[in-house]
Protein backbone atom coordinates (compact mmCIF):
# COMPACT_ATOMS: atom_id res chain seq x y z
CA MET A 1 -120.85 -116.54 -63.56
CA THR A 2 -119.56 -118.75 -66.31
CA ARG A 3 -116.54 -120.46 -66.72
CA GLY A 4 -114.79 -118.21 -67.60
CA ASP A 5 -115.49 -116.05 -64.35
CA ASP A 6 -114.69 -118.99 -62.21
CA GLU A 7 -111.35 -118.91 -64.17
CA ALA A 8 -110.74 -115.09 -63.85
CA THR A 9 -111.23 -115.55 -59.90
CA GLU A 10 -108.80 -118.57 -59.31
CA CYS A 11 -106.38 -116.05 -61.23
CA ASP A 12 -107.14 -113.27 -58.97
CA ALA A 13 -106.77 -115.27 -56.34
CA ALA A 14 -103.22 -116.34 -57.35
CA ARG A 15 -102.06 -112.71 -57.56
CA ASP A 16 -103.29 -111.78 -54.74
CA PRO A 17 -101.78 -113.60 -51.64
CA GLY A 18 -104.80 -111.89 -49.28
CA ARG A 19 -107.42 -113.79 -51.37
CA ARG A 20 -106.05 -116.77 -51.28
CA THR A 21 -107.44 -119.46 -48.81
CA GLY A 22 -106.37 -122.78 -49.90
CA GLY A 23 -108.29 -125.83 -51.10
CA SER A 24 -107.81 -128.85 -53.82
CA ARG A 25 -105.16 -129.39 -55.33
CA ASP A 26 -106.69 -128.87 -58.48
CA ARG A 27 -108.22 -125.47 -57.21
CA ALA A 28 -104.24 -124.85 -56.76
CA HIS A 29 -103.57 -125.89 -60.11
CA THR A 30 -106.35 -124.15 -62.26
CA GLY A 31 -104.68 -121.01 -60.68
CA LEU A 32 -101.72 -121.65 -62.79
CA VAL A 33 -103.26 -123.66 -65.61
CA LYS A 34 -103.96 -121.43 -68.82
CA LYS A 35 -103.14 -121.11 -71.91
CA SER A 36 -99.35 -119.56 -72.31
CA ASP A 37 -99.52 -117.11 -75.77
CA GLY A 38 -96.27 -117.94 -76.38
CA ASP A 39 -94.54 -114.67 -75.52
CA LYS A 40 -90.98 -114.89 -74.16
CA CYS A 41 -89.65 -112.44 -71.37
CA LEU A 42 -87.18 -111.65 -69.21
CA VAL A 43 -87.61 -114.03 -65.94
CA SER A 44 -86.50 -114.24 -62.76
CA VAL A 45 -86.28 -117.78 -62.24
CA ASP A 46 -85.76 -117.72 -58.58
CA GLN A 47 -88.43 -115.26 -58.22
CA MET A 48 -90.64 -117.48 -60.38
CA ILE A 49 -89.79 -120.71 -58.11
CA ARG A 50 -90.87 -118.33 -55.00
CA GLU A 51 -94.10 -117.46 -56.05
CA VAL A 52 -95.07 -121.04 -57.70
CA LEU A 53 -94.06 -122.58 -53.84
CA SER A 54 -96.28 -119.38 -52.40
CA PHE A 55 -98.97 -120.41 -55.08
CA VAL A 56 -99.26 -123.76 -53.40
CA GLN A 57 -98.74 -123.60 -49.66
CA PRO A 58 -101.87 -123.94 -47.70
CA GLU A 59 -102.06 -127.14 -50.33
CA LEU A 60 -98.64 -128.63 -49.32
CA ALA A 61 -99.33 -127.44 -45.60
CA ARG A 62 -102.31 -129.09 -45.59
CA HIS A 63 -100.77 -132.61 -46.82
CA GLN A 64 -98.26 -132.10 -44.12
CA VAL A 65 -95.47 -131.35 -46.76
CA VAL A 66 -92.13 -129.24 -46.56
CA VAL A 67 -90.44 -127.89 -48.95
CA GLU A 68 -86.79 -126.78 -48.50
CA GLU A 69 -85.88 -124.17 -50.62
CA ALA A 70 -82.68 -123.67 -51.69
CA LEU A 71 -81.87 -120.83 -54.25
CA ALA A 72 -78.76 -118.76 -55.67
CA GLU A 73 -78.92 -114.77 -54.82
CA GLY A 74 -78.71 -112.65 -58.02
CA LEU A 75 -78.98 -114.46 -60.90
CA VAL A 76 -79.71 -113.39 -64.37
CA PRO A 77 -82.83 -112.65 -65.61
CA VAL A 78 -83.81 -115.86 -68.66
CA LEU A 79 -85.74 -114.78 -71.35
CA ALA A 80 -88.25 -117.78 -71.64
CA ASP A 81 -92.19 -118.25 -71.73
CA ARG A 82 -93.37 -117.01 -67.86
CA ILE A 83 -96.54 -119.48 -68.15
CA GLN A 84 -94.45 -122.23 -69.31
CA LEU A 85 -92.19 -122.31 -66.82
CA GLN A 86 -94.49 -121.50 -63.62
CA GLN A 87 -96.11 -124.95 -65.48
CA LEU A 88 -93.22 -126.38 -65.19
CA VAL A 89 -92.05 -126.04 -61.84
CA LEU A 90 -95.85 -126.93 -60.70
CA THR A 91 -95.62 -130.35 -62.69
């Protein structure tokens, strides 16, 4: 298995909630760390934030961190680079 295969496995796990098993912060962070190609598309910010939170939930639970979300429903999607927004929320 090459390093590229490891990264693909992490990304696959990020897309499939049934495959997520938790892990260290580095592992959780690795799933979202990928180079942005700069493509912009319409992004539902509230949905994207929920996706990032669900991805890091096992790590949050491991450290007994509780996140309360109060996001508005029905917001107009924004034209943005989805990967950059995900990384912003993660940090």
